[in-house]
Amino acid sequence: MKQRVETEKFYPAYPIFVLTYLNETGEPQMSTGSSSYTLGNSMVIGVSAESNASKHLYAGQKFAVNFPNTEQLGLIEQGGFSSGKRNDKIKVHQIELTKSDSGGVAYIDACPIVFECTISQTISDVDYHTIFANIDTRLFEKNLVDSDGHFIHEELDLVLFSGDANERKFRKLDTIIETVGGHS
């Protein structure tokens, strides 16, 4: 039997990412998030309408989606729990950025996976800013790719976010991996 849960939000477990982007003066900014999905070369991200990111991410803008590993919880918290409106998180926390070969975006090279994106559209309402983007480039650490250029699933070590209005938690990916299609 199911039980009704009254909560204003619920996140079952989504990968945490750190956005890097430029503000109006061209200075790099960063924000932590967990609301996203990808379909092919498209990515959709949701951020709070009150966030620093919502003010600087608009159609045509380039940005990077940096996926930290489980050893980088400090980076996740630095990007998410200090205000970019009041201080420069990148300078305060001494985050090292790498300029993209494609230009217009800087990323956190220490993160094992990075997507370089260009925003195609944004939709804003009172509470949220939804960003629709094209993934221009996918960058992976060498240990995540085999000699044929294929992704090594067993090496993936991302941080997941789960939470509700009461409490928020970090989760780690399970090390058990099964091939899709083996359960019919």
N, C-alpha and C. Protein backbone atom coordinates (compact mmCIF):
# COMPACT_ATOMS: atom_id res chain seq x y z
N MET A 1 0.84 -1.18 0.00
CA MET A 1 0.00 0.00 0.00
C MET A 1 0.89 1.25 0.00
N LYS A 2 0.46 2.24 -0.73
CA LYS A 2 1.19 3.50 -0.82
C LYS A 2 0.70 4.47 0.23
N GLN A 3 1.58 5.40 0.58
CA GLN A 3 1.22 6.45 1.53
C GLN A 3 1.43 7.80 0.86
N ARG A 4 0.48 8.68 0.97
CA ARG A 4 0.58 10.02 0.41
C ARG A 4 1.61 10.82 1.22
N VAL A 5 2.49 11.51 0.53
CA VAL A 5 3.50 12.35 1.17
C VAL A 5 3.25 13.79 0.75
N GLU A 6 3.06 14.65 1.70
CA GLU A 6 2.85 16.07 1.42
C GLU A 6 4.20 16.78 1.49
N THR A 7 4.73 17.15 0.34
CA THR A 7 5.99 17.88 0.25
C THR A 7 5.92 18.79 -0.96
N GLU A 8 6.57 19.92 -0.89
CA GLU A 8 6.53 20.85 -2.02
C GLU A 8 7.49 20.46 -3.13
N LYS A 9 8.41 19.51 -2.85
CA LYS A 9 9.33 19.04 -3.90
C LYS A 9 9.88 17.67 -3.52
N PHE A 10 10.33 16.93 -4.54
CA PHE A 10 10.95 15.64 -4.32
C PHE A 10 11.90 15.33 -5.47
N TYR A 11 13.11 14.95 -5.14
CA TYR A 11 14.13 14.58 -6.12
C TYR A 11 14.57 13.15 -5.82
N PRO A 12 14.20 12.15 -6.65
CA PRO A 12 14.52 10.77 -6.32
C PRO A 12 16.02 10.46 -6.38
N ALA A 13 16.78 11.03 -7.26
CA ALA A 13 18.24 10.88 -7.34
C ALA A 13 18.67 11.30 -8.74
N TYR A 14 19.14 12.53 -8.86
CA TYR A 14 19.60 13.07 -10.13
C TYR A 14 21.09 13.41 -10.00
N PRO A 15 21.85 13.33 -11.12
CA PRO A 15 23.26 13.69 -11.02
C PRO A 15 23.44 15.18 -10.72
N ILE A 16 24.35 15.46 -9.84
CA ILE A 16 24.68 16.85 -9.50
C ILE A 16 25.68 17.37 -10.52
N PHE A 17 25.51 18.63 -10.91
CA PHE A 17 26.43 19.27 -11.85
C PHE A 17 26.77 20.66 -11.35
N VAL A 18 27.85 21.21 -11.86
CA VAL A 18 28.23 22.59 -11.58
C VAL A 18 28.26 23.31 -12.92
N LEU A 19 27.42 24.33 -13.05
CA LEU A 19 27.40 25.15 -14.26
C LEU A 19 28.51 26.18 -14.19
N THR A 20 29.19 26.40 -15.29
CA THR A 20 30.12 27.54 -15.41
C THR A 20 29.68 28.35 -16.62
N TYR A 21 29.66 29.66 -16.46
CA TYR A 21 29.14 30.56 -17.47
C TYR A 21 29.72 31.95 -17.21
N LEU A 22 29.46 32.87 -18.10
CA LEU A 22 29.99 34.23 -17.96
C LEU A 22 28.87 35.18 -17.55
N ASN A 23 29.22 36.17 -16.72
CA ASN A 23 28.25 37.20 -16.37
C ASN A 23 28.29 38.31 -17.41
N GLU A 24 27.58 39.39 -17.16
CA GLU A 24 27.47 40.48 -18.14
C GLU A 24 28.79 41.19 -18.42
N THR A 25 29.76 41.09 -17.52
CA THR A 25 31.07 41.71 -17.74
C THR A 25 32.11 40.72 -18.24
N GLY A 26 31.68 39.48 -18.53
CA GLY A 26 32.60 38.47 -19.05
C GLY A 26 33.37 37.70 -17.99
N GLU A 27 33.01 37.89 -16.73
CA GLU A 27 33.68 37.18 -15.64
C GLU A 27 33.01 35.81 -15.45
N PRO A 28 33.82 34.76 -15.25
CA PRO A 28 33.23 33.43 -15.05
C PRO A 28 32.46 33.33 -13.73
N GLN A 29 31.37 32.58 -13.78
CA GLN A 29 30.50 32.34 -12.63
C GLN A 29 30.28 30.83 -12.50
N MET A 30 29.80 30.38 -11.33
CA MET A 30 29.47 28.97 -11.19
C MET A 30 28.26 28.81 -10.29
N SER A 31 27.48 27.77 -10.58
CA SER A 31 26.28 27.44 -9.80
C SER A 31 26.11 25.93 -9.81
N THR A 32 25.73 25.35 -8.67
CA THR A 32 25.48 23.93 -8.58
C THR A 32 24.01 23.66 -8.85
N GLY A 33 23.73 22.55 -9.54
CA GLY A 33 22.36 22.16 -9.82
C GLY A 33 22.19 20.66 -9.86
N SER A 34 20.93 20.24 -9.91
CA SER A 34 20.64 18.80 -10.01
C SER A 34 19.43 18.52 -10.88
N SER A 35 18.80 19.54 -11.41
CA SER A 35 17.61 19.35 -12.23
C SER A 35 17.99 19.43 -13.70
N SER A 36 18.10 18.25 -14.33
CA SER A 36 18.48 18.22 -15.74
C SER A 36 18.06 16.90 -16.38
N TYR A 37 18.02 16.94 -17.70
CA TYR A 37 17.94 15.70 -18.47
C TYR A 37 18.50 15.95 -19.86
N THR A 38 18.92 14.87 -20.51
CA THR A 38 19.44 14.95 -21.86
C THR A 38 18.65 14.02 -22.77
N LEU A 39 18.52 14.44 -24.01
CA LEU A 39 17.95 13.61 -25.08
C LEU A 39 18.82 13.86 -26.30
N GLY A 40 19.60 12.85 -26.71
CA GLY A 40 20.50 13.04 -27.84
C GLY A 40 21.47 14.17 -27.56
N ASN A 41 21.47 15.18 -28.43
CA ASN A 41 22.35 16.34 -28.25
C ASN A 41 21.65 17.52 -27.60
N SER A 42 20.52 17.26 -26.97
CA SER A 42 19.79 18.32 -26.27
C SER A 42 19.91 18.13 -24.78
N MET A 43 19.95 19.24 -24.05
CA MET A 43 19.99 19.21 -22.60
C MET A 43 19.01 20.25 -22.07
N VAL A 44 18.28 19.87 -21.03
CA VAL A 44 17.35 20.79 -20.38
C VAL A 44 17.75 20.89 -18.92
N ILE A 45 17.86 22.11 -18.43
CA ILE A 45 18.27 22.37 -17.05
C ILE A 45 17.27 23.32 -16.41
N GLY A 46 16.96 23.08 -15.15
CA GLY A 46 16.11 23.99 -14.40
C GLY A 46 16.88 24.63 -13.27
N VAL A 47 16.72 25.94 -13.11
CA VAL A 47 17.35 26.66 -12.00
C VAL A 47 16.30 27.57 -11.36
N SER A 48 16.52 27.94 -10.14
CA SER A 48 15.62 28.86 -9.45
C SER A 48 15.59 30.20 -10.17
N ALA A 49 14.42 30.80 -10.28
CA ALA A 49 14.29 32.11 -10.92
C ALA A 49 15.06 33.19 -10.17
N GLU A 50 15.34 32.95 -8.88
CA GLU A 50 16.08 33.92 -8.07
C GLU A 50 17.59 33.70 -8.11
N SER A 51 18.05 32.67 -8.78
CA SER A 51 19.47 32.33 -8.77
C SER A 51 20.29 33.27 -9.66
N ASN A 52 21.57 33.30 -9.38
CA ASN A 52 22.51 34.06 -10.20
C ASN A 52 22.52 33.50 -11.62
N ALA A 53 22.46 32.18 -11.77
CA ALA A 53 22.47 31.55 -13.09
C ALA A 53 21.31 32.02 -13.95
N SER A 54 20.13 32.17 -13.36
CA SER A 54 18.96 32.55 -14.15
C SER A 54 19.12 33.92 -14.78
N LYS A 55 19.93 34.77 -14.19
CA LYS A 55 20.13 36.12 -14.72
C LYS A 55 21.14 36.16 -15.87
N HIS A 56 22.00 35.13 -15.95
CA HIS A 56 23.10 35.18 -16.92
C HIS A 56 23.00 34.13 -18.02
N LEU A 57 22.00 33.25 -17.95
CA LEU A 57 21.86 32.21 -18.97
C LEU A 57 20.65 32.53 -19.85
N TYR A 58 20.92 32.84 -21.13
CA TYR A 58 19.90 33.26 -22.06
C TYR A 58 20.23 32.71 -23.45
N ALA A 59 19.30 32.77 -24.36
CA ALA A 59 19.49 32.21 -25.71
C ALA A 59 20.76 32.76 -26.36
N GLY A 60 21.54 31.85 -26.95
CA GLY A 60 22.80 32.21 -27.60
C GLY A 60 24.00 32.11 -26.69
N GLN A 61 23.78 32.13 -25.37
CA GLN A 61 24.88 32.06 -24.39
C GLN A 61 25.48 30.65 -24.36
N LYS A 62 26.79 30.59 -24.20
CA LYS A 62 27.48 29.30 -24.03
C LYS A 62 27.72 29.08 -22.54
N PHE A 63 27.72 27.82 -22.13
CA PHE A 63 28.01 27.47 -20.75
C PHE A 63 28.53 26.04 -20.71
N ALA A 64 29.05 25.64 -19.57
CA ALA A 64 29.53 24.27 -19.40
C ALA A 64 28.79 23.61 -18.25
N VAL A 65 28.51 22.33 -18.44
CA VAL A 65 27.92 21.50 -17.39
C VAL A 65 29.03 20.57 -16.94
N ASN A 66 29.52 20.79 -15.72
CA ASN A 66 30.64 20.03 -15.16
C ASN A 66 30.07 19.00 -14.18
N PHE A 67 30.37 17.72 -14.39
CA PHE A 67 29.87 16.67 -13.51
C PHE A 67 30.99 16.23 -12.56
N PRO A 68 30.92 16.63 -11.28
CA PRO A 68 31.95 16.24 -10.30
C PRO A 68 31.82 14.76 -9.91
N ASN A 69 32.91 14.21 -9.39
CA ASN A 69 32.86 12.84 -8.87
C ASN A 69 32.67 12.87 -7.35
N THR A 70 32.63 11.70 -6.75
CA THR A 70 32.32 11.61 -5.31
C THR A 70 33.43 12.18 -4.43
N GLU A 71 34.60 12.40 -4.97
CA GLU A 71 35.68 13.03 -4.19
C GLU A 71 35.58 14.55 -4.22
N GLN A 72 34.63 15.10 -4.98
CA GLN A 72 34.54 16.54 -5.16
C GLN A 72 33.29 17.14 -4.50
N LEU A 73 32.90 16.59 -3.36
CA LEU A 73 31.73 17.12 -2.65
C LEU A 73 31.96 18.58 -2.24
N GLY A 74 33.18 18.94 -1.92
CA GLY A 74 33.50 20.33 -1.57
C GLY A 74 33.19 21.27 -2.72
N LEU A 75 33.55 20.88 -3.93
CA LEU A 75 33.26 21.70 -5.11
C LEU A 75 31.76 21.87 -5.29
N ILE A 76 31.01 20.80 -5.08
CA ILE A 76 29.55 20.85 -5.21
C ILE A 76 28.97 21.86 -4.22
N GLU A 77 29.42 21.80 -2.99
CA GLU A 77 28.90 22.71 -1.97
C GLU A 77 29.37 24.15 -2.19
N GLN A 78 30.59 24.33 -2.67
CA GLN A 78 31.08 25.68 -2.94
C GLN A 78 30.25 26.34 -4.04
N GLY A 79 29.85 25.56 -5.04
CA GLY A 79 29.06 26.10 -6.13
C GLY A 79 27.61 26.32 -5.77
N GLY A 80 27.12 25.61 -4.73
CA GLY A 80 25.70 25.66 -4.45
C GLY A 80 25.27 26.35 -3.19
N PHE A 81 26.16 26.47 -2.22
CA PHE A 81 25.72 26.99 -0.93
C PHE A 81 26.33 28.33 -0.57
N SER A 82 26.99 28.97 -1.53
CA SER A 82 27.43 30.34 -1.31
C SER A 82 26.83 31.18 -2.44
N SER A 83 26.56 32.41 -2.18
CA SER A 83 25.86 33.25 -3.13
C SER A 83 26.82 33.87 -4.14
N GLY A 84 26.52 33.67 -5.42
CA GLY A 84 27.28 34.32 -6.48
C GLY A 84 26.87 35.77 -6.67
N LYS A 85 25.77 36.16 -6.04
CA LYS A 85 25.32 37.55 -6.12
C LYS A 85 26.17 38.44 -5.22
N ARG A 86 26.66 37.86 -4.12
CA ARG A 86 27.39 38.65 -3.13
C ARG A 86 28.91 38.50 -3.24
N ASN A 87 29.38 37.38 -3.80
CA ASN A 87 30.83 37.21 -3.93
C ASN A 87 31.15 36.37 -5.16
N ASP A 88 32.39 36.41 -5.57
CA ASP A 88 32.86 35.66 -6.72
C ASP A 88 33.27 34.27 -6.24
N LYS A 89 32.38 33.28 -6.39
CA LYS A 89 32.63 31.93 -5.89
C LYS A 89 33.91 31.32 -6.47
N ILE A 90 34.18 31.60 -7.72
CA ILE A 90 35.36 31.01 -8.38
C ILE A 90 36.63 31.54 -7.74
N LYS A 91 36.70 32.84 -7.47
CA LYS A 91 37.89 33.41 -6.82
C LYS A 91 37.96 33.03 -5.35
N VAL A 92 36.83 33.13 -4.63
CA VAL A 92 36.81 32.82 -3.21
C VAL A 92 37.26 31.38 -2.95
N HIS A 93 36.78 30.44 -3.77
CA HIS A 93 37.10 29.02 -3.56
C HIS A 93 38.28 28.55 -4.42
N GLN A 94 38.90 29.47 -5.15
CA GLN A 94 40.08 29.19 -5.98
C GLN A 94 39.83 28.02 -6.93
N ILE A 95 38.73 28.11 -7.68
CA ILE A 95 38.36 27.08 -8.66
C ILE A 95 39.16 27.35 -9.94
N GLU A 96 39.87 26.34 -10.40
CA GLU A 96 40.66 26.48 -11.61
C GLU A 96 39.81 26.14 -12.83
N LEU A 97 39.72 27.09 -13.77
CA LEU A 97 38.93 26.90 -14.98
C LEU A 97 39.86 26.75 -16.19
N THR A 98 39.37 26.02 -17.18
CA THR A 98 40.08 25.83 -18.44
C THR A 98 39.22 26.44 -19.54
N LYS A 99 39.84 27.26 -20.40
CA LYS A 99 39.09 27.85 -21.51
C LYS A 99 38.86 26.79 -22.58
N SER A 100 37.66 26.79 -23.10
CA SER A 100 37.28 25.84 -24.14
C SER A 100 38.00 26.13 -25.44
N ASP A 101 38.28 25.08 -26.19
CA ASP A 101 38.85 25.25 -27.53
C ASP A 101 37.86 25.94 -28.46
N SER A 102 36.56 25.72 -28.20
CA SER A 102 35.52 26.30 -29.07
C SER A 102 35.19 27.74 -28.71
N GLY A 103 35.72 28.24 -27.59
CA GLY A 103 35.52 29.64 -27.20
C GLY A 103 34.18 29.90 -26.54
N GLY A 104 34.15 30.96 -25.73
CA GLY A 104 32.91 31.40 -25.11
C GLY A 104 32.51 30.65 -23.87
N VAL A 105 33.29 29.70 -23.43
CA VAL A 105 32.94 28.94 -22.23
C VAL A 105 34.23 28.48 -21.54
N ALA A 106 34.19 28.44 -20.23
CA ALA A 106 35.29 27.88 -19.44
C ALA A 106 34.70 26.76 -18.61
N TYR A 107 35.48 25.71 -18.39
CA TYR A 107 34.97 24.56 -17.64
C TYR A 107 35.95 24.17 -16.54
N ILE A 108 35.46 23.32 -15.65
CA ILE A 108 36.27 22.83 -14.53
C ILE A 108 36.93 21.54 -14.97
N ASP A 109 38.19 21.62 -15.35
CA ASP A 109 38.90 20.46 -15.90
C ASP A 109 39.02 19.32 -14.88
N ALA A 110 38.96 19.63 -13.60
CA ALA A 110 39.05 18.60 -12.56
C ALA A 110 37.83 17.68 -12.56
N CYS A 111 36.72 18.11 -13.14
CA CYS A 111 35.52 17.27 -13.21
C CYS A 111 35.70 16.22 -14.30
N PRO A 112 35.30 14.97 -14.04
CA PRO A 112 35.55 13.90 -15.00
C PRO A 112 34.75 13.98 -16.29
N ILE A 113 33.59 14.63 -16.26
CA ILE A 113 32.76 14.78 -17.46
C ILE A 113 32.31 16.23 -17.57
N VAL A 114 32.42 16.78 -18.78
CA VAL A 114 32.01 18.16 -19.04
C VAL A 114 31.24 18.19 -20.36
N PHE A 115 30.10 18.86 -20.36
CA PHE A 115 29.37 19.14 -21.60
C PHE A 115 29.49 20.64 -21.87
N GLU A 116 29.94 20.99 -23.06
CA GLU A 116 29.92 22.39 -23.50
C GLU A 116 28.62 22.58 -24.28
N CYS A 117 27.86 23.61 -23.92
CA CYS A 117 26.52 23.79 -24.47
C CYS A 117 26.29 25.21 -24.96
N THR A 118 25.30 25.34 -25.85
CA THR A 118 24.82 26.64 -26.30
C THR A 118 23.31 26.67 -26.08
N ILE A 119 22.83 27.71 -25.44
CA ILE A 119 21.41 27.83 -25.12
C ILE A 119 20.60 28.17 -26.37
N SER A 120 19.56 27.39 -26.60
CA SER A 120 18.68 27.65 -27.73
C SER A 120 17.44 28.43 -27.31
N GLN A 121 17.00 28.21 -26.06
CA GLN A 121 15.77 28.86 -25.59
C GLN A 121 15.73 28.81 -24.07
N THR A 122 15.10 29.80 -23.47
CA THR A 122 14.83 29.77 -22.03
C THR A 122 13.35 30.10 -21.81
N ILE A 123 12.80 29.49 -20.79
CA ILE A 123 11.42 29.79 -20.39
C ILE A 123 11.45 30.08 -18.90
N SER A 124 10.87 31.21 -18.53
CA SER A 124 10.88 31.61 -17.12
C SER A 124 9.46 31.74 -16.61
N ASP A 125 9.27 31.34 -15.36
CA ASP A 125 8.02 31.64 -14.66
C ASP A 125 8.40 32.25 -13.32
N VAL A 126 7.48 32.36 -12.43
CA VAL A 126 7.73 33.01 -11.14
C VAL A 126 8.81 32.29 -10.34
N ASP A 127 8.83 30.96 -10.39
CA ASP A 127 9.73 30.18 -9.55
C ASP A 127 10.98 29.64 -10.24
N TYR A 128 10.88 29.32 -11.54
CA TYR A 128 11.97 28.60 -12.20
C TYR A 128 12.32 29.19 -13.56
N HIS A 129 13.55 28.92 -13.95
CA HIS A 129 14.11 29.32 -15.23
C HIS A 129 14.51 28.00 -15.90
N THR A 130 13.87 27.65 -17.01
CA THR A 130 14.17 26.40 -17.71
C THR A 130 15.01 26.72 -18.93
N ILE A 131 16.15 26.05 -19.04
CA ILE A 131 17.14 26.32 -20.07
C ILE A 131 17.18 25.13 -21.03
N PHE A 132 16.93 25.39 -22.30
CA PHE A 132 17.03 24.37 -23.34
C PHE A 132 18.33 24.65 -24.09
N ALA A 133 19.18 23.65 -24.21
CA ALA A 133 20.49 23.87 -24.81
C ALA A 133 20.87 22.73 -25.74
N ASN A 134 21.79 23.03 -26.65
CA ASN A 134 22.40 22.03 -27.51
C ASN A 134 23.75 21.66 -26.92
N ILE A 135 24.04 20.38 -26.84
CA ILE A 135 25.35 19.94 -26.37
C ILE A 135 26.29 20.02 -27.57
N ASP A 136 27.27 20.92 -27.48
CA ASP A 136 28.23 21.12 -28.56
C ASP A 136 29.37 20.13 -28.50
N THR A 137 29.85 19.86 -27.29
CA THR A 137 31.01 19.00 -27.09
C THR A 137 30.84 18.22 -25.79
N ARG A 138 31.25 16.95 -25.80
CA ARG A 138 31.31 16.14 -24.58
C ARG A 138 32.77 15.81 -24.32
N LEU A 139 33.23 16.16 -23.13
CA LEU A 139 34.62 15.91 -22.73
C LEU A 139 34.65 14.90 -21.59
N PHE A 140 35.48 13.87 -21.70
CA PHE A 140 35.58 12.82 -20.69
C PHE A 140 37.03 12.62 -20.28
N GLU A 141 37.24 12.33 -18.99
CA GLU A 141 38.57 11.93 -18.52
C GLU A 141 38.98 10.66 -19.26
N LYS A 142 40.26 10.47 -19.47
CA LYS A 142 40.75 9.32 -20.23
C LYS A 142 40.36 7.99 -19.62
N ASN A 143 40.27 7.91 -18.28
CA ASN A 143 39.92 6.63 -17.65
C ASN A 143 38.47 6.24 -17.88
N LEU A 144 37.66 7.13 -18.47
CA LEU A 144 36.25 6.83 -18.75
C LEU A 144 36.02 6.36 -20.18
N VAL A 145 37.09 6.29 -20.98
CA VAL A 145 36.96 5.93 -22.39
C VAL A 145 37.96 4.83 -22.72
N ASP A 146 37.47 3.76 -23.42
CA ASP A 146 38.37 2.67 -23.79
C ASP A 146 39.13 3.01 -25.07
N SER A 147 39.98 2.11 -25.53
CA SER A 147 40.83 2.37 -26.70
C SER A 147 40.04 2.53 -27.99
N ASP A 148 38.78 2.07 -28.01
CA ASP A 148 37.91 2.25 -29.19
C ASP A 148 37.07 3.52 -29.10
N GLY A 149 37.25 4.31 -28.03
CA GLY A 149 36.49 5.55 -27.87
C GLY A 149 35.12 5.36 -27.26
N HIS A 150 34.88 4.19 -26.64
CA HIS A 150 33.59 3.92 -26.01
C HIS A 150 33.64 4.20 -24.52
N PHE A 151 32.53 4.63 -23.99
CA PHE A 151 32.41 4.95 -22.58
C PHE A 151 32.55 3.69 -21.72
N ILE A 152 33.31 3.77 -20.63
CA ILE A 152 33.49 2.65 -19.69
C ILE A 152 32.55 2.89 -18.51
N HIS A 153 31.41 2.22 -18.53
CA HIS A 153 30.37 2.43 -17.53
C HIS A 153 30.84 2.15 -16.10
N GLU A 154 31.70 1.16 -15.94
CA GLU A 154 32.17 0.77 -14.61
C GLU A 154 32.99 1.85 -13.92
N GLU A 155 33.51 2.79 -14.66
CA GLU A 155 34.36 3.84 -14.10
C GLU A 155 33.58 5.09 -13.69
N LEU A 156 32.29 5.14 -14.02
CA LEU A 156 31.49 6.32 -13.70
C LEU A 156 31.32 6.47 -12.19
N ASP A 157 31.65 7.64 -11.68
CA ASP A 157 31.63 7.91 -10.23
C ASP A 157 31.03 9.30 -9.99
N LEU A 158 29.74 9.44 -10.25
CA LEU A 158 29.08 10.73 -10.08
C LEU A 158 28.36 10.79 -8.74
N VAL A 159 28.06 12.01 -8.32
CA VAL A 159 27.29 12.24 -7.09
C VAL A 159 25.84 12.46 -7.51
N LEU A 160 24.93 11.79 -6.82
CA LEU A 160 23.50 11.96 -7.06
C LEU A 160 22.91 12.81 -5.94
N PHE A 161 21.82 13.48 -6.24
CA PHE A 161 21.12 14.30 -5.26
C PHE A 161 19.74 13.70 -5.03
N SER A 162 19.38 13.51 -3.77
CA SER A 162 18.01 13.13 -3.45
C SER A 162 17.55 14.04 -2.33
N GLY A 163 16.28 14.37 -2.34
CA GLY A 163 15.79 15.24 -1.29
C GLY A 163 14.33 15.58 -1.45
N ASP A 164 13.82 16.18 -0.39
CA ASP A 164 12.46 16.71 -0.40
C ASP A 164 12.50 18.02 0.36
N ALA A 165 11.34 18.55 0.71
CA ALA A 165 11.30 19.82 1.42
C ALA A 165 11.88 19.72 2.82
N ASN A 166 11.99 18.50 3.34
CA ASN A 166 12.49 18.28 4.69
C ASN A 166 14.01 18.13 4.76
N GLU A 167 14.60 17.40 3.82
CA GLU A 167 16.02 17.08 3.93
C GLU A 167 16.62 16.81 2.56
N ARG A 168 17.92 17.13 2.40
CA ARG A 168 18.64 16.89 1.16
C ARG A 168 19.84 16.00 1.44
N LYS A 169 20.15 15.07 0.51
CA LYS A 169 21.25 14.11 0.70
C LYS A 169 22.04 13.95 -0.58
N PHE A 170 23.32 13.63 -0.43
CA PHE A 170 24.15 13.18 -1.53
C PHE A 170 24.11 11.66 -1.55
N ARG A 171 24.09 11.08 -2.75
CA ARG A 171 24.13 9.62 -2.91
C ARG A 171 25.24 9.29 -3.88
N LYS A 172 25.78 8.11 -3.76
CA LYS A 172 26.80 7.63 -4.71
C LYS A 172 26.17 6.57 -5.60
N LEU A 173 26.67 6.48 -6.83
CA LEU A 173 26.19 5.44 -7.74
C LEU A 173 26.56 4.07 -7.19
N ASP A 174 25.70 3.10 -7.41
CA ASP A 174 25.97 1.73 -7.03
C ASP A 174 27.03 1.17 -7.98
N THR A 175 27.85 0.26 -7.50
CA THR A 175 28.87 -0.33 -8.35
C THR A 175 28.37 -1.54 -9.13
N ILE A 176 27.14 -1.96 -8.87
CA ILE A 176 26.56 -3.08 -9.61
C ILE A 176 26.06 -2.55 -10.96
N ILE A 177 26.52 -3.15 -12.03
CA ILE A 177 26.14 -2.72 -13.37
C ILE A 177 25.57 -3.91 -14.10
N GLU A 178 24.44 -3.70 -14.78
CA GLU A 178 23.80 -4.75 -15.56
C GLU A 178 23.49 -4.23 -16.94
N THR A 179 23.62 -5.08 -17.94
CA THR A 179 23.34 -4.70 -19.32
C THR A 179 21.84 -4.60 -19.54
N VAL A 180 21.42 -3.56 -20.25
CA VAL A 180 20.02 -3.38 -20.58
C VAL A 180 19.57 -4.52 -21.50
N GLY A 181 18.38 -5.06 -21.23
CA GLY A 181 17.82 -6.11 -22.07
C GLY A 181 18.00 -7.50 -21.50
N GLY A 182 18.61 -7.60 -20.34
CA GLY A 182 18.86 -8.92 -19.75
C GLY A 182 17.82 -9.34 -18.74
N HIS A 183 16.68 -8.69 -18.67
CA HIS A 183 15.69 -8.98 -17.64
C HIS A 183 14.32 -9.30 -18.20
N SER A 184 14.25 -9.79 -19.44
CA SER A 184 12.93 -10.04 -20.03
C SER A 184 12.34 -11.35 -19.60
